[in-house]
Amino acid sequence: MLATDRKAQLLTLGACCFGLFMVMLDNTVVNVALPSIQRELGAKVAGLALVLDAYILVFASLLLTAGSLGDRFGRRRVFRAGLVVFTASSALCGLAPTLPALVGGRALQAVGAAALLPNSLAILTAAFPDPGSGSRPSACGLGCRPWPWPPARWSAGCSPTGSAGAGCST
């Protein structure tokens, strides 16, 4: 592998991890900030639930659609669009003067997050194409394996349940 290929792989890994980190951090921050949101915006418990549910429902609803859009229009393009939408809507949420504005911003944030998650995984799979080279497990932080996996006999046609295929001895 060329040094430029390795550098591109690492930059791709960093960009995808950064996008996913933003999504996960946002979920944690909102949960921690609920008392402040309640105090500052005068929200009741039902309003706080709506802040959380607007994100969760839109995010879960659009995950498969965003993955399909990535397949159709390009994973990097959809990932970048999701990053822009997520970042802009995060700013809108931070500046939201009312609870309905915050709920709308959270729903828009979920649209961006839904574009980030499936496409980042697809981008990483394409950036680290050869699982046998050891680069994919290392990229995921799993480079140290305590035993050989999968066992060599599985690759000879044996199944993990013990049923023998061609050339297996069980």
C-alpha atoms as a PDB file:
ATOM      1  CA  MET A   1       0.000   0.000   0.000  1.00  0.00           C
ATOM      2  CA  LEU A   2       1.300   3.425  -0.891  1.00  0.00           C
ATOM      3  CA  ALA A   3       1.896   6.045   1.788  1.00  0.00           C
ATOM      4  CA  THR A   4      -0.637   8.365   0.155  1.00  0.00           C
ATOM      5  CA  ASP A   5      -3.249   5.594   0.285  1.00  0.00           C
ATOM      6  CA  ARG A   6      -2.587   5.092   3.989  1.00  0.00           C
ATOM      7  CA  LYS A   7      -2.780   8.843   4.581  1.00  0.00           C
ATOM      8  CA  ALA A   8      -6.096   9.021   2.718  1.00  0.00           C
ATOM      9  CA  GLN A   9      -7.390   6.100   4.762  1.00  0.00           C
ATOM     10  CA  LEU A  10      -6.448   7.788   8.018  1.00  0.00           C
ATOM     11  CA  LEU A  11      -8.007  11.095   6.956  1.00  0.00           C
ATOM     12  CA  THR A  12     -11.180   9.268   5.964  1.00  0.00           C
ATOM     13  CA  LEU A  13     -11.218   7.450   9.287  1.00  0.00           C
ATOM     14  CA  GLY A  14     -10.747  10.741  11.141  1.00  0.00           C
ATOM     15  CA  ALA A  15     -13.526  12.496   9.250  1.00  0.00           C
ATOM     16  CA  CYS A  16     -15.991   9.663   9.784  1.00  0.00           C
ATOM     17  CA  CYS A  17     -15.116   9.354  13.460  1.00  0.00           C
ATOM     18  CA  PHE A  18     -15.489  13.113  13.906  1.00  0.00           C
ATOM     19  CA  GLY A  19     -18.962  13.092  12.359  1.00  0.00           C
ATOM     20  CA  LEU A  20     -20.101  10.183  14.489  1.00  0.00           C
ATOM     21  CA  PHE A  21     -18.546  11.744  17.587  1.00  0.00           C
ATOM     22  CA  MET A  22     -20.588  14.895  17.006  1.00  0.00           C
ATOM     23  CA  VAL A  23     -23.803  12.875  16.765  1.00  0.00           C
ATOM     24  CA  MET A  24     -23.112  10.873  19.919  1.00  0.00           C
ATOM     25  CA  LEU A  25     -21.902  13.901  21.866  1.00  0.00           C
ATOM     26  CA  ASP A  26     -25.031  15.803  20.911  1.00  0.00           C
ATOM     27  CA  ASN A  27     -27.265  13.092  22.358  1.00  0.00           C
ATOM     28  CA  THR A  28     -25.337  13.125  25.624  1.00  0.00           C
ATOM     29  CA  VAL A  29     -25.272  16.905  25.875  1.00  0.00           C
ATOM     30  CA  VAL A  30     -29.009  17.266  25.325  1.00  0.00           C
ATOM     31  CA  ASN A  31     -29.784  14.755  28.059  1.00  0.00           C
ATOM     32  CA  VAL A  32     -27.481  16.554  30.467  1.00  0.00           C
ATOM     33  CA  ALA A  33     -28.918  19.950  29.480  1.00  0.00           C
ATOM     34  CA  LEU A  34     -32.584  19.048  30.048  1.00  0.00           C
ATOM     35  CA  PRO A  35     -32.789  20.839  33.431  1.00  0.00           C
ATOM     36  CA  SER A  36     -31.298  23.987  31.879  1.00  0.00           C
ATOM     37  CA  ILE A  37     -33.675  23.759  28.910  1.00  0.00           C
ATOM     38  CA  GLN A  38     -36.586  23.410  31.306  1.00  0.00           C
ATOM     39  CA  ARG A  39     -35.473  26.424  33.327  1.00  0.00           C
ATOM     40  CA  GLU A  40     -34.515  28.709  30.422  1.00  0.00           C
ATOM     41  CA  LEU A  41     -37.425  27.952  28.090  1.00  0.00           C
ATOM     42  CA  GLY A  42     -40.042  27.302  30.747  1.00  0.00           C
ATOM     43  CA  ALA A  43     -40.711  23.830  29.390  1.00  0.00           C
ATOM     44  CA  LYS A  44     -42.812  21.225  31.108  1.00  0.00           C
ATOM     45  CA  VAL A  45     -41.904  17.541  31.191  1.00  0.00           C
ATOM     46  CA  ALA A  46     -43.995  16.894  28.061  1.00  0.00           C
ATOM     47  CA  GLY A  47     -42.041  19.592  26.217  1.00  0.00           C
ATOM     48  CA  LEU A  48     -38.733  18.048  27.270  1.00  0.00           C
ATOM     49  CA  ALA A  49     -39.938  14.666  26.068  1.00  0.00           C
ATOM     50  CA  LEU A  50     -40.799  16.255  22.739  1.00  0.00           C
ATOM     51  CA  VAL A  51     -37.264  17.650  22.456  1.00  0.00           C
ATOM     52  CA  LEU A  52     -35.887  14.122  22.810  1.00  0.00           C
ATOM     53  CA  ASP A  53     -38.580  12.330  20.822  1.00  0.00           C
ATOM     54  CA  ALA A  54     -38.452  14.653  17.823  1.00  0.00           C
ATOM     55  CA  TYR A  55     -34.829  13.696  17.316  1.00  0.00           C
ATOM     56  CA  ILE A  56     -35.244   9.976  17.972  1.00  0.00           C
ATOM     57  CA  LEU A  57     -38.261   9.520  15.712  1.00  0.00           C
ATOM     58  CA  VAL A  58     -36.842  11.424  12.753  1.00  0.00           C
ATOM     59  CA  PHE A  59     -33.410   9.813  13.132  1.00  0.00           C
ATOM     60  CA  ALA A  60     -34.765   6.262  13.262  1.00  0.00           C
ATOM     61  CA  SER A  61     -37.190   6.917  10.422  1.00  0.00           C
ATOM     62  CA  LEU A  62     -34.549   8.211   8.039  1.00  0.00           C
ATOM     63  CA  LEU A  63     -31.619   5.827   8.641  1.00  0.00           C
ATOM     64  CA  LEU A  64     -32.488   3.400   5.853  1.00  0.00           C
ATOM     65  CA  THR A  65     -33.531   6.167   3.490  1.00  0.00           C
ATOM     66  CA  ALA A  66     -30.255   8.014   4.032  1.00  0.00           C
ATOM     67  CA  GLY A  67     -28.292   4.832   3.348  1.00  0.00           C
ATOM     68  CA  SER A  68     -30.181   4.375   0.085  1.00  0.00           C
ATOM     69  CA  LEU A  69     -29.554   7.999  -0.844  1.00  0.00           C
ATOM     70  CA  GLY A  70     -25.854   7.376  -0.260  1.00  0.00           C
ATOM     71  CA  ASP A  71     -25.952   4.395  -2.589  1.00  0.00           C
ATOM     72  CA  ARG A  72     -27.737   6.392  -5.252  1.00  0.00           C
ATOM     73  CA  PHE A  73     -26.038   9.817  -5.088  1.00  0.00           C
ATOM     74  CA  GLY A  74     -22.694   8.978  -3.525  1.00  0.00           C
ATOM     75  CA  ARG A  75     -21.798   8.227   0.060  1.00  0.00           C
ATOM     76  CA  ARG A  76     -19.363  11.104   0.470  1.00  0.00           C
ATOM     77  CA  ARG A  77     -21.839  13.591  -0.979  1.00  0.00           C
ATOM     78  CA  VAL A  78     -24.631  12.479   1.379  1.00  0.00           C
ATOM     79  CA  PHE A  79     -22.187  12.346   4.333  1.00  0.00           C
ATOM     80  CA  ARG A  80     -21.051  15.911   3.631  1.00  0.00           C
ATOM     81  CA  ALA A  81     -24.631  17.127   3.247  1.00  0.00           C
ATOM     82  CA  GLY A  82     -25.513  15.437   6.544  1.00  0.00           C
ATOM     83  CA  LEU A  83     -22.545  17.105   8.220  1.00  0.00           C
ATOM     84  CA  VAL A  84     -23.624  20.536   6.962  1.00  0.00           C
ATOM     85  CA  VAL A  85     -27.262  19.991   7.969  1.00  0.00           C
ATOM     86  CA  PHE A  86     -26.271  18.660  11.391  1.00  0.00           C
ATOM     87  CA  THR A  87     -23.855  21.519  12.075  1.00  0.00           C
ATOM     88  CA  ALA A  88     -26.246  24.250  10.917  1.00  0.00           C
ATOM     89  CA  SER A  89     -29.150  22.792  12.867  1.00  0.00           C
ATOM     90  CA  SER A  90     -26.948  22.514  15.958  1.00  0.00           C
ATOM     91  CA  ALA A  91     -26.409  26.260  15.719  1.00  0.00           C
ATOM     92  CA  LEU A  92     -30.168  26.754  15.336  1.00  0.00           C
ATOM     93  CA  CYS A  93     -30.780  24.652  18.429  1.00  0.00           C
ATOM     94  CA  GLY A  94     -28.244  26.652  20.406  1.00  0.00           C
ATOM     95  CA  LEU A  95     -29.934  29.906  19.394  1.00  0.00           C
ATOM     96  CA  ALA A  96     -33.525  28.659  19.789  1.00  0.00           C
ATOM     97  CA  PRO A  97     -35.548  31.252  21.711  1.00  0.00           C
ATOM     98  CA  THR A  98     -38.591  29.017  22.268  1.00  0.00           C
ATOM     99  CA  LEU A  99     -39.385  25.368  22.815  1.00  0.00           C
ATOM    100  CA  PRO A 100     -41.034  24.881  19.383  1.00  0.00           C
ATOM    101  CA  ALA A 101     -37.928  26.323  17.715  1.00  0.00           C
ATOM    102  CA  LEU A 102     -35.760  23.899  19.682  1.00  0.00           C
ATOM    103  CA  VAL A 103     -37.974  20.941  18.730  1.00  0.00           C
ATOM    104  CA  GLY A 104     -37.789  21.932  15.064  1.00  0.00           C
ATOM    105  CA  GLY A 105     -34.020  22.311  15.287  1.00  0.00           C
ATOM    106  CA  ARG A 106     -33.714  18.897  16.892  1.00  0.00           C
ATOM    107  CA  ALA A 107     -35.791  17.313  14.116  1.00  0.00           C
ATOM    108  CA  LEU A 108     -33.546  18.959  11.527  1.00  0.00           C
ATOM    109  CA  GLN A 109     -30.496  17.761  13.444  1.00  0.00           C
ATOM    110  CA  ALA A 110     -31.830  14.224  13.203  1.00  0.00           C
ATOM    111  CA  VAL A 111     -32.023  14.540   9.418  1.00  0.00           C
ATOM    112  CA  GLY A 112     -28.313  15.369   9.337  1.00  0.00           C
ATOM    113  CA  ALA A 113     -27.433  12.623  11.826  1.00  0.00           C
ATOM    114  CA  ALA A 114     -29.365  10.056   9.803  1.00  0.00           C
ATOM    115  CA  ALA A 115     -27.290  10.992   6.765  1.00  0.00           C
ATOM    116  CA  LEU A 116     -24.043  10.726   8.737  1.00  0.00           C
ATOM    117  CA  LEU A 117     -24.388   7.333  10.376  1.00  0.00           C
ATOM    118  CA  PRO A 118     -25.017   4.819   7.563  1.00  0.00           C
ATOM    119  CA  ASN A 119     -22.830   6.629   5.075  1.00  0.00           C
ATOM    120  CA  SER A 120     -19.873   6.879   7.440  1.00  0.00           C
ATOM    121  CA  LEU A 121     -19.956   3.114   7.874  1.00  0.00           C
ATOM    122  CA  ALA A 122     -20.154   2.592   4.109  1.00  0.00           C
ATOM    123  CA  ILE A 123     -17.294   5.039   3.535  1.00  0.00           C
ATOM    124  CA  LEU A 124     -15.113   3.199   6.055  1.00  0.00           C
ATOM    125  CA  THR A 125     -15.885  -0.144   4.458  1.00  0.00           C
ATOM    126  CA  ALA A 126     -14.796   1.242   1.085  1.00  0.00           C
ATOM    127  CA  ALA A 127     -11.694   2.934   2.541  1.00  0.00           C
ATOM    128  CA  PHE A 128     -10.501  -0.280   4.195  1.00  0.00           C
ATOM    129  CA  PRO A 129     -11.470  -2.862   1.558  1.00  0.00           C
ATOM    130  CA  ASP A 130      -9.292  -5.839   2.513  1.00  0.00           C
ATOM    131  CA  PRO A 131     -10.288  -7.364   5.842  1.00  0.00           C
ATOM    132  CA  GLY A 132      -7.440  -9.871   5.578  1.00  0.00           C
ATOM    133  CA  SER A 133      -4.779  -7.157   5.635  1.00  0.00           C
ATOM    134  CA  GLY A 134      -5.471  -6.268   9.258  1.00  0.00           C
ATOM    135  CA  SER A 135      -6.135  -2.608   8.461  1.00  0.00           C
ATOM    136  CA  ARG A 136      -9.907  -2.802   9.031  1.00  0.00           C
ATOM    137  CA  PRO A 137      -9.738  -4.226  12.568  1.00  0.00           C
ATOM    138  CA  SER A 138      -6.996  -1.729  13.416  1.00  0.00           C
ATOM    139  CA  ALA A 139      -9.155   1.121  12.164  1.00  0.00           C
ATOM    140  CA  CYS A 140     -11.931   0.005  14.478  1.00  0.00           C
ATOM    141  CA  GLY A 141      -9.631  -0.359  17.478  1.00  0.00           C
ATOM    142  CA  LEU A 142      -9.696  -4.163  17.369  1.00  0.00           C
ATOM    143  CA  GLY A 143      -6.203  -4.771  16.065  1.00  0.00           C
ATOM    144  CA  CYS A 144      -5.189  -6.988  18.992  1.00  0.00           C
ATOM    145  CA  ARG A 145      -6.857 -10.396  18.830  1.00  0.00           C
ATOM    146  CA  PRO A 146      -6.213 -12.938  21.610  1.00  0.00           C
ATOM    147  CA  TRP A 147      -6.852 -15.899  19.271  1.00  0.00           C
ATOM    148  CA  PRO A 148      -6.978 -16.478  15.525  1.00  0.00           C
ATOM    149  CA  TRP A 149     -10.484 -15.667  14.281  1.00  0.00           C
ATOM    150  CA  PRO A 150     -12.139 -17.187  12.395  1.00  0.00           C
ATOM    151  CA  PRO A 151     -10.520 -20.573  12.824  1.00  0.00           C
ATOM    152  CA  ALA A 152      -8.657 -21.769   9.741  1.00  0.00           C
ATOM    153  CA  ARG A 153     -10.893 -24.824   9.393  1.00  0.00           C
ATOM    154  CA  TRP A 154     -13.939 -22.583   8.804  1.00  0.00           C
ATOM    155  CA  SER A 155     -12.361 -21.210   5.671  1.00  0.00           C
ATOM    156  CA  ALA A 156     -12.029 -24.782   4.394  1.00  0.00           C
ATOM    157  CA  GLY A 157     -15.805 -25.131   4.242  1.00  0.00           C
ATOM    158  CA  CYS A 158     -16.571 -26.069   7.853  1.00  0.00           C
ATOM    159  CA  SER A 159     -19.363 -24.271   9.609  1.00  0.00           C
ATOM    160  CA  PRO A 160     -19.097 -22.912  13.167  1.00  0.00           C
ATOM    161  CA  THR A 161     -21.784 -25.394  14.258  1.00  0.00           C
ATOM    162  CA  GLY A 162     -19.482 -28.300  13.525  1.00  0.00           C
ATOM    163  CA  SER A 163     -21.164 -29.656  10.414  1.00  0.00           C
ATOM    164  CA  ALA A 164     -18.522 -30.758   7.983  1.00  0.00           C
ATOM    165  CA  GLY A 165     -18.236 -29.524   4.443  1.00  0.00           C
ATOM    166  CA  ALA A 166     -15.797 -30.615   1.770  1.00  0.00           C
ATOM    167  CA  GLY A 167     -12.367 -31.218   3.218  1.00  0.00           C
ATOM    168  CA  CYS A 168     -13.377 -30.876   6.900  1.00  0.00           C
ATOM    169  CA  SER A 169     -12.491 -33.161   9.706  1.00  0.00           C
ATOM    170  CA  THR A 170     -14.652 -32.803  12.779  1.00  0.00           C
END
